Amino acid sequence: MKQKWRWLPPWNMPADPVRAVFWFMRWLLQVLVRYFYILVLVGVVYETYLNGIVGLAGTLLVGLLIWAGLAVLLVVINITSGVSRVYSEMSRLSRNSAGFSYGAPEPEKEENVVEGSIIMDLEEERKRRRQEM
C-alpha cells in the first residue's frame, strides 16, 4: 500500500499528560527536521542579500550542521522510543504469560486526545461509578 504524503506528521497525542509532553516534543522535532531547510534557505538568501557571497558559505554551513544535528537527535529518539516500546511489551507479555492473568488487571487501552471529543463532567462520572457499585 502506498502511503500518501502529508504536510505534518499524524496528530495522535496520548491522553496521559506525561506521555503527551514527550510525544509533542518528538512531533515538534519531526516537523523541524522536515521543514528546517526552508529556514536555512531563507537565511542564506538574507545573508547573501546583506553581505553578498561572503555570508553564503557560513550561513549554509551552520544551517546544514544544525539541520543534521536535529536529524541525528530525531533518529536517536526514534530508536530509544522503539526500544522502550519493545521493553514495555515484553514486560507485559511476561506478566501475562500464555494469555493467563495472575491477578494483575490488563492495562486499559490508552485513548488519544481528539479535537471535538466529548469530555464528561466530573460529577457525572462520579454518579455513573456510584451506580455501577
N, C-alpha and C. Protein backbone atom coordinates (compact mmCIF):
# COMPACT_ATOMS: atom_id res chain seq x y z
N MET A 1 0.82 -1.18 0.00
CA MET A 1 0.00 0.00 0.00
C MET A 1 0.88 1.26 0.00
N LYS A 2 0.59 2.17 -0.86
CA LYS A 2 1.36 3.40 -0.93
C LYS A 2 0.77 4.43 0.03
N GLN A 3 1.63 4.94 0.92
CA GLN A 3 1.17 5.93 1.88
C GLN A 3 1.20 7.31 1.25
N LYS A 4 0.13 8.06 1.49
CA LYS A 4 0.03 9.41 0.96
C LYS A 4 0.92 10.36 1.77
N TRP A 5 1.62 11.25 1.08
CA TRP A 5 2.48 12.21 1.76
C TRP A 5 1.61 13.24 2.47
N ARG A 6 1.99 13.59 3.68
CA ARG A 6 1.24 14.58 4.47
C ARG A 6 2.14 15.75 4.80
N TRP A 7 1.52 16.90 4.96
CA TRP A 7 2.28 18.10 5.33
C TRP A 7 2.85 18.00 6.73
N LEU A 8 2.08 17.45 7.65
CA LEU A 8 2.50 17.31 9.04
C LEU A 8 2.41 15.85 9.46
N PRO A 9 3.22 15.42 10.44
CA PRO A 9 3.09 14.07 10.96
C PRO A 9 1.70 13.90 11.60
N PRO A 10 1.21 12.66 11.70
CA PRO A 10 -0.12 12.46 12.28
C PRO A 10 -0.20 12.94 13.73
N TRP A 11 -1.35 13.47 14.09
CA TRP A 11 -1.57 14.01 15.43
C TRP A 11 -2.29 12.95 16.25
N ASN A 12 -1.52 12.09 16.93
CA ASN A 12 -2.07 11.03 17.78
C ASN A 12 -1.58 11.22 19.20
N MET A 13 -1.89 12.36 19.79
CA MET A 13 -1.41 12.66 21.13
C MET A 13 -2.06 11.75 22.16
N PRO A 14 -1.26 11.13 23.05
CA PRO A 14 -1.84 10.28 24.09
C PRO A 14 -2.55 11.12 25.14
N ALA A 15 -3.47 10.47 25.87
CA ALA A 15 -4.24 11.17 26.89
C ALA A 15 -3.44 11.40 28.16
N ASP A 16 -2.46 10.56 28.44
CA ASP A 16 -1.63 10.71 29.63
C ASP A 16 -0.78 11.98 29.49
N PRO A 17 -0.84 12.90 30.48
CA PRO A 17 -0.14 14.18 30.34
C PRO A 17 1.38 14.04 30.21
N VAL A 18 1.98 13.10 30.94
CA VAL A 18 3.43 12.96 30.87
C VAL A 18 3.84 12.43 29.50
N ARG A 19 3.14 11.42 29.02
CA ARG A 19 3.44 10.90 27.69
C ARG A 19 3.15 11.95 26.61
N ALA A 20 2.14 12.77 26.85
CA ALA A 20 1.76 13.79 25.87
C ALA A 20 2.88 14.82 25.68
N VAL A 21 3.57 15.17 26.76
CA VAL A 21 4.66 16.14 26.66
C VAL A 21 5.78 15.57 25.80
N PHE A 22 6.19 14.33 26.09
CA PHE A 22 7.26 13.71 25.31
C PHE A 22 6.82 13.47 23.86
N TRP A 23 5.55 13.10 23.67
CA TRP A 23 5.03 12.88 22.32
C TRP A 23 5.08 14.19 21.54
N PHE A 24 4.67 15.30 22.18
CA PHE A 24 4.66 16.58 21.49
C PHE A 24 6.07 17.04 21.14
N MET A 25 7.02 16.82 22.04
CA MET A 25 8.40 17.20 21.75
C MET A 25 8.93 16.42 20.54
N ARG A 26 8.59 15.13 20.45
CA ARG A 26 9.01 14.31 19.31
C ARG A 26 8.31 14.78 18.03
N TRP A 27 7.01 15.09 18.14
CA TRP A 27 6.26 15.57 16.98
C TRP A 27 6.85 16.88 16.46
N LEU A 28 7.17 17.80 17.39
CA LEU A 28 7.75 19.08 17.01
C LEU A 28 9.12 18.89 16.36
N LEU A 29 9.91 17.96 16.87
CA LEU A 29 11.21 17.68 16.27
C LEU A 29 11.05 17.12 14.86
N GLN A 30 10.04 16.28 14.65
CA GLN A 30 9.79 15.77 13.30
C GLN A 30 9.44 16.91 12.34
N VAL A 31 8.62 17.84 12.80
CA VAL A 31 8.25 18.99 11.96
C VAL A 31 9.48 19.84 11.67
N LEU A 32 10.32 20.08 12.69
CA LEU A 32 11.54 20.87 12.48
C LEU A 32 12.46 20.22 11.47
N VAL A 33 12.67 18.92 11.59
CA VAL A 33 13.56 18.23 10.66
C VAL A 33 12.98 18.26 9.25
N ARG A 34 11.67 18.14 9.16
CA ARG A 34 11.03 18.11 7.84
C ARG A 34 11.10 19.45 7.13
N TYR A 35 11.01 20.56 7.88
CA TYR A 35 10.92 21.88 7.24
C TYR A 35 12.06 22.84 7.58
N PHE A 36 13.12 22.38 8.25
CA PHE A 36 14.21 23.28 8.63
C PHE A 36 14.97 23.80 7.41
N TYR A 37 14.95 23.05 6.33
CA TYR A 37 15.67 23.50 5.13
C TYR A 37 15.11 24.83 4.62
N ILE A 38 13.82 25.07 4.87
CA ILE A 38 13.22 26.35 4.44
C ILE A 38 13.88 27.50 5.20
N LEU A 39 14.06 27.32 6.52
CA LEU A 39 14.73 28.36 7.31
C LEU A 39 16.18 28.55 6.86
N VAL A 40 16.85 27.44 6.51
CA VAL A 40 18.23 27.55 6.03
C VAL A 40 18.27 28.34 4.72
N LEU A 41 17.36 28.04 3.81
CA LEU A 41 17.33 28.76 2.54
C LEU A 41 17.01 30.24 2.72
N VAL A 42 16.07 30.54 3.60
CA VAL A 42 15.73 31.95 3.88
C VAL A 42 16.94 32.66 4.47
N GLY A 43 17.65 32.00 5.40
CA GLY A 43 18.84 32.59 5.99
C GLY A 43 19.93 32.83 4.97
N VAL A 44 20.11 31.89 4.06
CA VAL A 44 21.13 32.04 3.02
C VAL A 44 20.78 33.20 2.10
N VAL A 45 19.52 33.29 1.70
CA VAL A 45 19.10 34.39 0.82
C VAL A 45 19.28 35.72 1.53
N TYR A 46 18.91 35.81 2.80
CA TYR A 46 19.03 37.05 3.55
C TYR A 46 20.49 37.46 3.72
N GLU A 47 21.34 36.50 4.10
CA GLU A 47 22.76 36.81 4.27
C GLU A 47 23.42 37.20 2.95
N THR A 48 23.02 36.55 1.88
CA THR A 48 23.57 36.89 0.58
C THR A 48 23.13 38.29 0.18
N TYR A 49 21.92 38.65 0.50
CA TYR A 49 21.42 39.99 0.21
C TYR A 49 22.20 41.04 1.01
N LEU A 50 22.45 40.75 2.31
CA LEU A 50 23.16 41.72 3.16
C LEU A 50 24.64 41.79 2.86
N ASN A 51 25.31 40.64 2.78
CA ASN A 51 26.77 40.61 2.71
C ASN A 51 27.32 40.11 1.38
N GLY A 52 26.49 39.87 0.45
CA GLY A 52 26.97 39.33 -0.82
C GLY A 52 27.34 37.87 -0.66
N ILE A 53 28.25 37.42 -1.45
CA ILE A 53 28.64 36.00 -1.47
C ILE A 53 29.37 35.60 -0.19
N VAL A 54 29.89 36.56 0.57
CA VAL A 54 30.66 36.26 1.78
C VAL A 54 29.80 35.52 2.82
N GLY A 55 28.57 35.93 3.02
CA GLY A 55 27.72 35.33 4.03
C GLY A 55 27.10 34.01 3.62
N LEU A 56 27.21 33.68 2.34
CA LEU A 56 26.57 32.47 1.83
C LEU A 56 27.14 31.20 2.44
N ALA A 57 28.43 31.04 2.40
CA ALA A 57 29.06 29.78 2.84
C ALA A 57 28.86 29.56 4.34
N GLY A 58 29.07 30.59 5.14
CA GLY A 58 28.93 30.44 6.59
C GLY A 58 27.51 30.11 7.01
N THR A 59 26.55 30.81 6.46
CA THR A 59 25.15 30.57 6.80
C THR A 59 24.70 29.19 6.35
N LEU A 60 25.11 28.81 5.16
CA LEU A 60 24.74 27.49 4.64
C LEU A 60 25.36 26.39 5.49
N LEU A 61 26.63 26.55 5.86
CA LEU A 61 27.32 25.54 6.66
C LEU A 61 26.69 25.41 8.04
N VAL A 62 26.45 26.52 8.71
CA VAL A 62 25.85 26.48 10.05
C VAL A 62 24.43 25.91 9.99
N GLY A 63 23.67 26.33 9.01
CA GLY A 63 22.31 25.83 8.87
C GLY A 63 22.27 24.33 8.62
N LEU A 64 23.13 23.84 7.74
CA LEU A 64 23.17 22.41 7.46
C LEU A 64 23.66 21.61 8.66
N LEU A 65 24.61 22.15 9.43
CA LEU A 65 25.07 21.46 10.64
C LEU A 65 23.95 21.37 11.68
N ILE A 66 23.21 22.44 11.87
CA ILE A 66 22.09 22.40 12.81
C ILE A 66 21.02 21.42 12.34
N TRP A 67 20.73 21.44 11.06
CA TRP A 67 19.74 20.52 10.49
C TRP A 67 20.18 19.07 10.67
N ALA A 68 21.45 18.79 10.43
CA ALA A 68 21.97 17.43 10.62
C ALA A 68 21.90 17.03 12.09
N GLY A 69 22.20 17.98 12.99
CA GLY A 69 22.10 17.68 14.42
C GLY A 69 20.68 17.34 14.83
N LEU A 70 19.71 18.09 14.32
CA LEU A 70 18.31 17.80 14.62
C LEU A 70 17.89 16.43 14.06
N ALA A 71 18.37 16.10 12.87
CA ALA A 71 18.04 14.80 12.27
C ALA A 71 18.65 13.65 13.08
N VAL A 72 19.89 13.81 13.53
CA VAL A 72 20.51 12.77 14.36
C VAL A 72 19.76 12.63 15.68
N LEU A 73 19.38 13.74 16.28
CA LEU A 73 18.60 13.70 17.52
C LEU A 73 17.27 12.98 17.31
N LEU A 74 16.62 13.23 16.20
CA LEU A 74 15.36 12.55 15.90
C LEU A 74 15.57 11.04 15.74
N VAL A 75 16.64 10.64 15.07
CA VAL A 75 16.93 9.21 14.91
C VAL A 75 17.18 8.56 16.27
N VAL A 76 17.94 9.23 17.13
CA VAL A 76 18.21 8.69 18.47
C VAL A 76 16.92 8.56 19.26
N ILE A 77 16.06 9.55 19.20
CA ILE A 77 14.78 9.50 19.92
C ILE A 77 13.90 8.40 19.36
N ASN A 78 13.86 8.23 18.04
CA ASN A 78 13.07 7.16 17.44
C ASN A 78 13.57 5.79 17.88
N ILE A 79 14.88 5.60 17.92
CA ILE A 79 15.44 4.31 18.35
C ILE A 79 15.13 4.05 19.82
N THR A 80 15.34 5.05 20.69
CA THR A 80 15.08 4.83 22.11
C THR A 80 13.60 4.61 22.39
N SER A 81 12.72 5.30 21.67
CA SER A 81 11.29 5.07 21.89
C SER A 81 10.89 3.68 21.40
N GLY A 82 11.52 3.21 20.32
CA GLY A 82 11.25 1.86 19.84
C GLY A 82 11.72 0.81 20.83
N VAL A 83 12.91 1.01 21.40
CA VAL A 83 13.42 0.08 22.41
C VAL A 83 12.52 0.09 23.64
N SER A 84 12.09 1.27 24.05
CA SER A 84 11.20 1.39 25.20
C SER A 84 9.88 0.68 24.95
N ARG A 85 9.34 0.83 23.75
CA ARG A 85 8.08 0.18 23.39
C ARG A 85 8.23 -1.34 23.42
N VAL A 86 9.34 -1.86 22.89
CA VAL A 86 9.58 -3.30 22.89
C VAL A 86 9.75 -3.81 24.32
N TYR A 87 10.48 -3.06 25.14
CA TYR A 87 10.69 -3.46 26.53
C TYR A 87 9.37 -3.51 27.30
N SER A 88 8.52 -2.51 27.12
CA SER A 88 7.24 -2.50 27.83
C SER A 88 6.34 -3.63 27.34
N GLU A 89 6.39 -3.92 26.06
CA GLU A 89 5.59 -5.04 25.52
C GLU A 89 6.10 -6.37 26.06
N MET A 90 7.41 -6.53 26.14
CA MET A 90 7.98 -7.78 26.67
C MET A 90 7.64 -7.95 28.15
N SER A 91 7.69 -6.87 28.92
CA SER A 91 7.35 -6.97 30.34
C SER A 91 5.86 -7.26 30.52
N ARG A 92 5.01 -6.70 29.64
CA ARG A 92 3.59 -7.00 29.71
C ARG A 92 3.33 -8.46 29.38
N LEU A 93 4.02 -8.97 28.37
CA LEU A 93 3.85 -10.37 27.99
C LEU A 93 4.38 -11.31 29.07
N SER A 94 5.46 -10.93 29.75
CA SER A 94 5.99 -11.80 30.80
C SER A 94 5.05 -11.83 32.01
N ARG A 95 4.35 -10.75 32.26
CA ARG A 95 3.36 -10.75 33.35
C ARG A 95 2.16 -11.60 32.99
N ASN A 96 1.74 -11.57 31.76
CA ASN A 96 0.58 -12.31 31.30
C ASN A 96 1.03 -13.44 30.38
N SER A 97 1.89 -14.32 30.89
CA SER A 97 2.42 -15.38 30.04
C SER A 97 1.32 -16.33 29.60
N ALA A 98 1.34 -16.69 28.35
CA ALA A 98 0.40 -17.61 27.70
C ALA A 98 -1.04 -17.13 27.80
N GLY A 99 -1.24 -15.82 27.95
CA GLY A 99 -2.59 -15.28 27.94
C GLY A 99 -3.32 -15.39 29.26
N PHE A 100 -2.70 -15.96 30.30
CA PHE A 100 -3.35 -16.08 31.60
C PHE A 100 -2.97 -14.90 32.47
N SER A 101 -3.95 -14.36 33.14
CA SER A 101 -3.72 -13.22 34.02
C SER A 101 -3.56 -13.72 35.44
N TYR A 102 -2.53 -13.27 36.14
CA TYR A 102 -2.27 -13.67 37.51
C TYR A 102 -2.75 -12.61 38.48
N GLY A 103 -3.93 -12.15 38.32
CA GLY A 103 -4.49 -11.17 39.25
C GLY A 103 -4.18 -9.73 38.87
N ALA A 104 -3.23 -9.54 38.01
CA ALA A 104 -2.90 -8.18 37.59
C ALA A 104 -3.82 -7.81 36.44
N PRO A 105 -4.60 -6.75 36.59
CA PRO A 105 -5.51 -6.38 35.51
C PRO A 105 -4.72 -5.89 34.31
N GLU A 106 -5.23 -6.20 33.15
CA GLU A 106 -4.57 -5.75 31.93
C GLU A 106 -4.81 -4.25 31.79
N PRO A 107 -3.75 -3.50 31.46
CA PRO A 107 -3.93 -2.05 31.36
C PRO A 107 -4.93 -1.70 30.27
N GLU A 108 -5.70 -0.66 30.56
CA GLU A 108 -6.69 -0.21 29.59
C GLU A 108 -5.98 0.39 28.39
N LYS A 109 -6.62 0.28 27.25
CA LYS A 109 -6.05 0.86 26.05
C LYS A 109 -6.09 2.38 26.19
N GLU A 110 -4.98 3.00 25.89
CA GLU A 110 -4.88 4.44 26.06
C GLU A 110 -5.67 5.16 24.97
N GLU A 111 -6.41 6.15 25.40
CA GLU A 111 -7.21 6.93 24.46
C GLU A 111 -6.37 8.07 23.90
N ASN A 112 -6.67 8.44 22.70
CA ASN A 112 -6.00 9.58 22.09
C ASN A 112 -6.85 10.83 22.29
N VAL A 113 -6.19 11.96 22.42
CA VAL A 113 -6.90 13.21 22.53
C VAL A 113 -7.27 13.64 21.11
N VAL A 114 -8.55 13.76 20.87
CA VAL A 114 -9.03 14.12 19.54
C VAL A 114 -9.83 15.40 19.66
N GLU A 115 -9.59 16.32 18.77
CA GLU A 115 -10.31 17.58 18.80
C GLU A 115 -11.79 17.30 18.59
N GLY A 116 -12.61 17.89 19.43
CA GLY A 116 -14.05 17.70 19.32
C GLY A 116 -14.57 16.53 20.12
N SER A 117 -13.71 15.83 20.85
CA SER A 117 -14.19 14.70 21.64
C SER A 117 -14.92 15.23 22.87
N ILE A 118 -15.88 14.45 23.34
CA ILE A 118 -16.70 14.85 24.48
C ILE A 118 -15.98 14.47 25.77
N ILE A 119 -15.81 15.43 26.65
CA ILE A 119 -15.19 15.19 27.93
C ILE A 119 -16.30 15.25 28.98
N MET A 120 -16.45 14.16 29.71
CA MET A 120 -17.55 14.07 30.67
C MET A 120 -17.30 14.98 31.86
N ASP A 121 -18.36 15.48 32.42
CA ASP A 121 -18.28 16.28 33.61
C ASP A 121 -17.87 15.38 34.76
N LEU A 122 -17.08 15.90 35.69
CA LEU A 122 -16.57 15.10 36.81
C LEU A 122 -17.71 14.57 37.67
N GLU A 123 -18.72 15.38 37.89
CA GLU A 123 -19.85 14.95 38.72
C GLU A 123 -20.62 13.83 38.04
N GLU A 124 -20.81 13.90 36.74
CA GLU A 124 -21.50 12.83 36.01
C GLU A 124 -20.72 11.53 36.10
N GLU A 125 -19.39 11.63 36.03
CA GLU A 125 -18.55 10.43 36.13
C GLU A 125 -18.68 9.80 37.51
N ARG A 126 -18.72 10.61 38.55
CA ARG A 126 -18.88 10.08 39.92
C ARG A 126 -20.22 9.38 40.07
N LYS A 127 -21.29 9.99 39.54
CA LYS A 127 -22.61 9.37 39.63
C LYS A 127 -22.64 8.02 38.91
N ARG A 128 -22.02 7.98 37.76
CA ARG A 128 -22.00 6.73 36.98
C ARG A 128 -21.24 5.63 37.74
N ARG A 129 -20.14 5.99 38.37
CA ARG A 129 -19.38 4.99 39.12
C ARG A 129 -20.15 4.51 40.37
N ARG A 130 -20.88 5.42 41.01
CA ARG A 130 -21.68 5.00 42.17
C ARG A 130 -22.77 4.03 41.74
N GLN A 131 -23.36 4.27 40.59
CA GLN A 131 -24.41 3.38 40.10
C GLN A 131 -23.85 2.01 39.75
N GLU A 132 -22.63 1.94 39.28
CA GLU A 132 -22.02 0.66 38.93
C GLU A 132 -21.71 -0.17 40.18
N MET A 133 -21.42 0.49 41.27
CA MET A 133 -21.09 -0.23 42.51
C MET A 133 -22.32 -0.74 43.13
